Structures are given as C-alpha cells and as structure tokens.
Protein backbone atom coordinates (compact mmCIF):
# COMPACT_ATOMS: atom_id res chain seq x y z
CA MET A 1 57.39 85.88 85.31
CA LYS A 2 54.08 84.08 85.10
CA TRP A 3 50.91 85.12 83.34
CA ASP A 4 47.72 85.39 85.32
CA ARG A 5 45.82 83.67 82.54
CA ASP A 6 44.76 80.03 82.44
CA PRO A 7 46.01 78.55 80.16
CA PRO A 8 49.25 80.54 80.28
CA SER A 9 50.76 82.31 77.30
CA ARG A 10 53.70 80.46 75.76
CA TYR A 11 54.64 82.91 73.02
CA LEU A 12 55.24 86.63 72.70
CA VAL A 13 54.98 88.70 69.55
CA VAL A 14 57.40 91.62 69.84
CA GLY A 15 57.73 94.47 67.35
CA GLY A 16 58.78 98.09 67.26
CA ASP A 17 56.82 101.25 67.96
CA LYS A 18 56.89 104.31 65.72
CA ARG A 19 60.22 105.32 67.25
CA GLY A 20 61.73 101.89 66.65
CA ARG A 21 61.64 100.92 70.31
CA GLU A 22 60.79 97.35 71.30
CA GLU A 23 57.12 96.88 72.07
CA LEU A 24 54.96 93.91 73.06
CA TRP A 25 52.43 93.35 70.30
CA ALA A 26 50.73 90.16 71.49
CA LYS A 27 50.74 87.20 73.81
CA ALA A 28 49.63 83.79 72.52
CA VAL A 29 48.73 80.58 74.32
CA GLY A 30 50.16 78.42 71.54
CA VAL A 31 51.33 78.22 67.95
CA GLU A 32 49.93 75.49 65.72
CA GLY A 33 51.91 74.48 62.63
CA LEU A 34 55.37 75.47 63.88
CA PHE A 35 56.63 71.87 63.91
CA VAL A 36 56.14 70.57 60.37
CA ASP A 37 58.24 68.15 58.36
CA ALA A 38 59.13 69.51 54.94
CA ALA A 39 56.90 68.23 52.16
CA PRO A 40 58.73 66.07 49.62
CA PRO A 41 59.33 67.73 46.26
CA PRO A 42 56.80 66.87 43.52
CA ARG A 43 57.74 63.86 41.40
CA GLU A 44 58.20 64.43 37.70
CA ILE A 45 59.58 62.76 34.58
CA LEU A 46 62.82 64.20 33.18
CA VAL A 47 64.88 63.15 30.17
CA LEU A 48 68.66 63.40 30.44
CA ARG A 49 69.79 64.00 26.85
CA GLY A 50 73.17 63.12 25.39
CA CYS A 51 74.46 61.35 28.48
CA ALA A 52 77.93 59.91 28.87
CA PRO A 53 77.05 57.81 31.94
CA ALA A 54 79.49 56.76 34.66
CA GLY A 55 79.35 55.26 38.14
CA ARG A 56 75.92 54.33 39.47
CA LEU A 57 74.13 55.77 36.43
CA ALA A 58 76.17 53.55 34.09
CA ALA A 59 75.44 50.54 36.30
CA ALA A 60 71.71 51.33 36.30
CA ILE A 61 71.66 51.57 32.50
CA ALA A 62 73.54 48.28 32.18
CA ASP A 63 70.90 46.56 34.34
CA GLU A 64 68.43 46.02 31.50
CA GLY A 65 64.76 45.65 32.44
CA ALA A 66 65.12 47.00 35.99
CA GLN A 67 63.95 50.35 37.33
CA THR A 68 66.99 51.19 39.42
CA SER A 69 66.99 53.83 42.15
CA LEU A 70 69.93 56.21 42.22
CA GLY A 71 69.03 57.82 45.54
CA ILE A 72 69.67 61.56 45.17
CA LEU A 73 70.98 62.44 41.72
CA THR A 74 72.52 65.91 41.69
CA LEU A 75 72.62 67.91 38.47
CA GLU A 76 75.37 70.53 38.38
CA MET A 77 74.64 73.04 35.62
CA CYS A 78 77.47 75.26 34.38
CA GLU A 79 77.19 78.08 31.88
CA ALA A 80 79.95 80.72 31.72
CA ASP A 81 80.07 82.07 35.31
CA ARG A 82 76.66 80.68 36.27
CA ILE A 83 76.43 77.49 38.34
CA GLU A 84 73.28 75.84 39.70
CA TRP A 85 72.65 72.60 41.56
CA TRP A 86 69.45 70.59 41.32
CA ASP A 87 68.68 67.62 43.55
CA LEU A 88 66.58 64.84 42.03
CA VAL A 89 65.28 63.01 45.11
CA ASP A 90 64.85 59.22 44.91
CA ALA A 91 65.76 59.35 41.21
CA THR A 92 64.77 56.16 39.36
CA VAL A 93 65.94 55.13 35.90
CA ILE A 94 62.79 54.26 33.95
CA ALA A 95 64.18 53.75 30.45
CA HIS A 96 67.12 54.63 28.22
CA ARG A 97 67.95 54.74 24.53
CA ARG A 98 71.32 54.88 22.81
CA GLU A 99 71.76 57.25 19.88
CA ALA A 100 72.27 55.44 16.56
CA ALA A 101 74.74 58.09 15.38
CA ASP A 102 76.71 57.98 18.63
CA PRO A 103 76.47 54.69 20.57
CA LEU A 104 78.33 56.28 23.49
CA SER A 105 75.57 58.87 23.93
CA VAL A 106 72.47 57.82 25.85
CA ASP A 107 69.11 59.47 26.52
CA VAL A 108 67.92 58.47 30.00
CA VAL A 109 64.37 58.83 31.32
CA VAL A 110 64.20 59.28 35.09
CA GLY A 111 61.42 59.80 37.60
CA ALA A 112 62.34 61.90 40.62
CA GLY A 113 61.25 64.47 43.14
CA VAL A 114 62.58 67.71 41.67
CA ALA A 115 63.85 70.25 44.20
CA ASP A 116 64.54 73.67 42.66
CA PRO A 117 67.61 75.69 43.66
CA GLU A 118 66.97 78.58 46.04
CA ARG A 119 67.22 81.17 43.26
CA TRP A 120 65.30 80.72 40.03
CA ALA A 121 67.13 82.25 37.08
CA GLY A 122 65.30 80.66 34.14
CA ALA A 123 66.62 78.32 31.47
CA PRO A 124 70.25 78.74 30.36
CA GLU A 125 71.13 79.03 26.66
CA SER A 126 74.16 76.71 26.49
CA PRO A 127 74.21 74.55 29.64
CA ARG A 128 76.63 71.78 30.53
CA PHE A 129 75.47 69.25 33.10
CA ARG A 130 77.59 67.13 35.40
CA LEU A 131 75.84 64.27 37.23
CA LEU A 132 76.67 63.24 40.80
CA THR A 133 75.37 60.58 43.18
CA ASP A 134 75.91 60.19 46.92
CA GLY A 135 76.80 63.85 47.12
CA ASP A 136 80.01 63.91 45.11
CA ARG A 137 80.48 60.63 43.22
CA PRO A 138 80.69 61.27 39.43
CA ALA A 139 77.82 59.72 37.46
CA GLY A 140 78.62 61.19 34.04
CA THR A 141 77.56 64.20 32.00
CA CYS A 142 74.69 65.22 29.75
CA SER A 143 74.04 68.00 27.28
CA ARG A 144 70.55 69.00 28.42
CA VAL A 145 67.67 67.94 30.66
CA ASP A 146 64.18 68.06 29.17
CA GLY A 147 61.53 69.23 31.65
CA LEU A 148 63.95 70.69 34.18
CA TYR A 149 63.42 74.38 33.42
CA ARG A 150 59.72 74.17 32.75
CA ARG A 151 58.66 76.41 35.63
CA PRO A 152 59.55 77.30 39.22
CA ARG A 153 58.26 74.65 41.59
CA MET A 154 56.84 76.24 44.72
CA ARG A 155 56.42 74.05 47.77
CA ALA A 156 53.34 75.04 49.70
CA ARG A 157 54.10 76.24 53.21
CA PRO A 158 51.42 75.41 55.73
CA PRO A 159 49.92 78.43 57.49
CA LEU A 160 50.78 79.11 61.09
CA LEU A 161 48.05 79.73 63.65
CA LEU A 162 48.55 81.84 66.77
CA VAL A 163 46.05 80.30 69.17
CA GLY A 164 44.62 82.33 72.02
CA CYS A 165 46.24 85.57 70.89
CA GLU A 166 45.85 88.69 73.03
CA PRO A 167 46.85 91.54 70.70
CA ALA A 168 48.38 94.77 71.97
CA GLY A 169 50.31 97.71 70.56
CA ARG A 170 50.15 97.91 66.76
CA LEU A 171 48.58 94.44 66.52
CA ASP A 172 45.55 95.66 68.44
CA THR A 173 44.18 96.58 65.00
CA LEU A 174 43.51 92.85 64.49
CA ARG A 175 40.29 93.36 66.37
CA ASP A 176 39.04 95.43 63.42
CA PRO A 177 39.38 93.37 60.19
CA ASP A 178 38.69 96.44 58.06
CA ARG A 179 41.55 98.37 59.62
CA HIS A 180 44.47 96.06 60.31
CA GLU A 181 47.50 95.77 58.04
CA ARG A 182 48.44 92.55 56.23
CA GLY A 183 52.23 92.63 56.21
CA TRP A 184 54.23 92.60 59.45
CA GLU A 185 57.77 92.10 60.69
CA PHE A 186 58.22 91.02 64.29
CA GLU A 187 59.94 88.59 66.66
CA LEU A 188 58.21 85.40 67.76
CA ARG A 189 59.53 84.49 71.21
CA ALA A 190 58.92 81.10 72.82
CA LEU A 191 58.58 81.02 76.62
CA ASP A 192 59.29 78.25 79.10
CA ARG A 193 56.82 77.42 81.86
CA ALA A 194 58.33 80.07 84.10
CA GLY A 195 57.74 82.75 81.46
CA ARG A 196 61.41 83.05 80.48
CA VAL A 197 62.32 83.49 76.81
CA MET A 198 63.84 80.26 75.45
CA ASN A 199 64.48 81.48 71.90
CA SER A 200 63.27 84.03 69.38
CA LYS A 201 63.04 84.36 65.62
CA SER A 202 62.56 87.44 63.46
CA VAL A 203 59.91 86.80 60.82
CA ASP A 204 58.18 88.56 57.96
CA VAL A 205 54.57 87.47 57.75
CA GLU A 206 51.30 88.17 56.05
CA ILE A 207 48.26 88.01 58.28
CA GLN A 208 45.61 86.02 56.46
CA ASN A 209 42.79 86.04 58.96
CA ALA A 210 41.88 86.80 62.57
CA TYR A 211 38.77 85.55 64.29
CA PRO A 212 37.43 84.84 67.82
CA SER A 213 39.57 82.21 69.51
CA VAL A 214 38.45 78.69 70.31
CA LEU A 215 39.61 79.57 73.84
CA GLY A 216 36.87 82.18 74.11
CA THR A 217 36.89 85.46 76.08
CA ALA A 218 38.45 88.36 74.16
CA LEU A 219 41.21 86.31 72.54
CA LEU A 220 41.79 85.83 68.82
CA ASP A 221 43.14 83.00 66.67
CA VAL A 222 45.37 84.52 63.99
CA ALA A 223 46.36 82.73 60.78
CA ILE A 224 49.66 83.94 59.34
CA ARG A 225 51.80 83.05 56.34
CA PHE A 226 55.55 83.55 56.18
CA THR A 227 56.74 85.78 53.35
CA ASP A 228 60.47 85.22 53.85
CA ALA A 229 62.66 82.10 53.96
CA PHE A 230 61.71 81.31 57.58
CA GLN A 231 62.38 77.65 58.29
CA LEU A 232 59.78 75.68 60.17
CA LEU A 233 60.97 73.16 62.75
CA PRO A 234 60.81 69.41 61.98
CA THR A 235 58.50 67.32 64.14
CA ALA A 236 61.57 65.58 65.62
CA ALA A 237 62.46 68.89 67.31
CA ARG A 238 59.22 69.00 69.31
CA PRO A 239 60.41 66.76 72.21
CA VAL A 240 63.55 68.90 72.53
CA ARG A 241 61.47 72.07 72.73
CA GLU A 242 59.10 70.52 75.27
CA ALA A 243 62.03 69.37 77.44
CA SER A 244 63.51 72.87 77.30
CA SER A 245 60.22 74.44 78.32
CA THR A 246 60.14 72.39 81.54
CA GLY A 247 63.84 72.76 82.32
CA ALA A 248 64.45 69.03 81.81
CA SER A 249 67.85 67.97 80.45
C-alpha cells in the first residue's frame, strides 16, 4: 500500500488496544537517530595489583620505557560461583612496579576504555582475576584491580526522534502534553517504498517530548528514549536498509 501523504510515511508504530488486539498507534515519515555507532567506553586509569604477568602483558612490562598497547585486555573475575568478564578496550601499560617482598609480583598501571559487564553486581569480597588478550590468550593473573568496581558506568544512549509523526489510537494523547503517558511498549515497523513491512522491533520507550513537526500541518516530532536493552543499528547498516527499501539487491 502507499500513503497519500507527501512525503510518505516510512515507519509504523503498532501497539495493542485495551483488549490486547493489534492497533495502529502512529505513522512517521522518518526516524532520526536509529543508525548510531556505539560510543566508546570512557577511558580510565586502573591498577592491576599483585600480577603474575604472562604473554603480551609480560612482554609489555619487559619493554621498559614504552607505553605498550595490549589491544583488548579481558579481566575474568571469579569468586565462588560468580564469574564476570570486563573488557579493557585499547589497554595501554603506563607503568609498573615490582614488589620488594615478592619480585615475581608486579603492580601494573593501565589506561583503557572500561566496558562494564551487562549485569552490575557490585564489588566482590575475595576476587581472583585471570587476564586474557586477543580473546583467549593467557596474559597472567592478579589479585585485585583498583578502580574497577568504583561505580557502574552508564553509556549515554542518544534519543530517537520520530519525525513527522501522525499519532492515532492510544498515542493520540500526544497531542495533549498534560494528558499523555510517558512509558510505552510497542512495535516499530520499517516500511519499504511500496509500504510493505521490511522488519519490526518490539521496544520499551519513555516519551520525553512531543511538539509540532518541522514538516508542518498536524504532524508531531516525538523524542523517545529506550528503557530496555534495545540495540541501535550501526551506521554501516544504513546502506543495507536503504537498498532493502528500494528492492535493490
């Protein structure tokens, strides 16, 4: 099917009515912010305490005076039946110091982008750390990591903007900012140029704002924020989506 609107709608917002039946909640001309490359994790300074280095970490420590990159250094934390993995992105050895009482034990200062595991469980009481590079190559062990469990690190997710949104059904309340709800669960369906559904994704969102659209008439631009683990698409996926929308192979 084709919409009788110029420009045409490229997305549908589909939810459920009070009886749980599928219902069209909105049409939208476009979605801005759907194709976004993930922001790199924030860089921090960590101290690997009581290290018995091996592999690339041992080689980096032996290279005195050089700040050596380890690529991604994975920390595997084990405590009883609890296991967590931390990725230190573009980890660089800044300095190291051998313990006088134990010359085989080294404290290593690294700078890295620290990516938290998906679930944050707080600092363990008696952790044991195994170090890995290149995914699974052993790089030694350490007794603790100063600065690792300081706080959860939240990566900011850019807001999504439904451009040229024509609300209907339950979303018609967007026209009254004092009346509409904030939290919603619905399907976002992308259409090709013939109006056929290419793909859909169920999302949980919080509506941050709704205001008259830059496209004019009675349309709205609606800013939303995802409240679940919805994954945005990388910018490299945009040409694939555009080819699919035209039927090109």
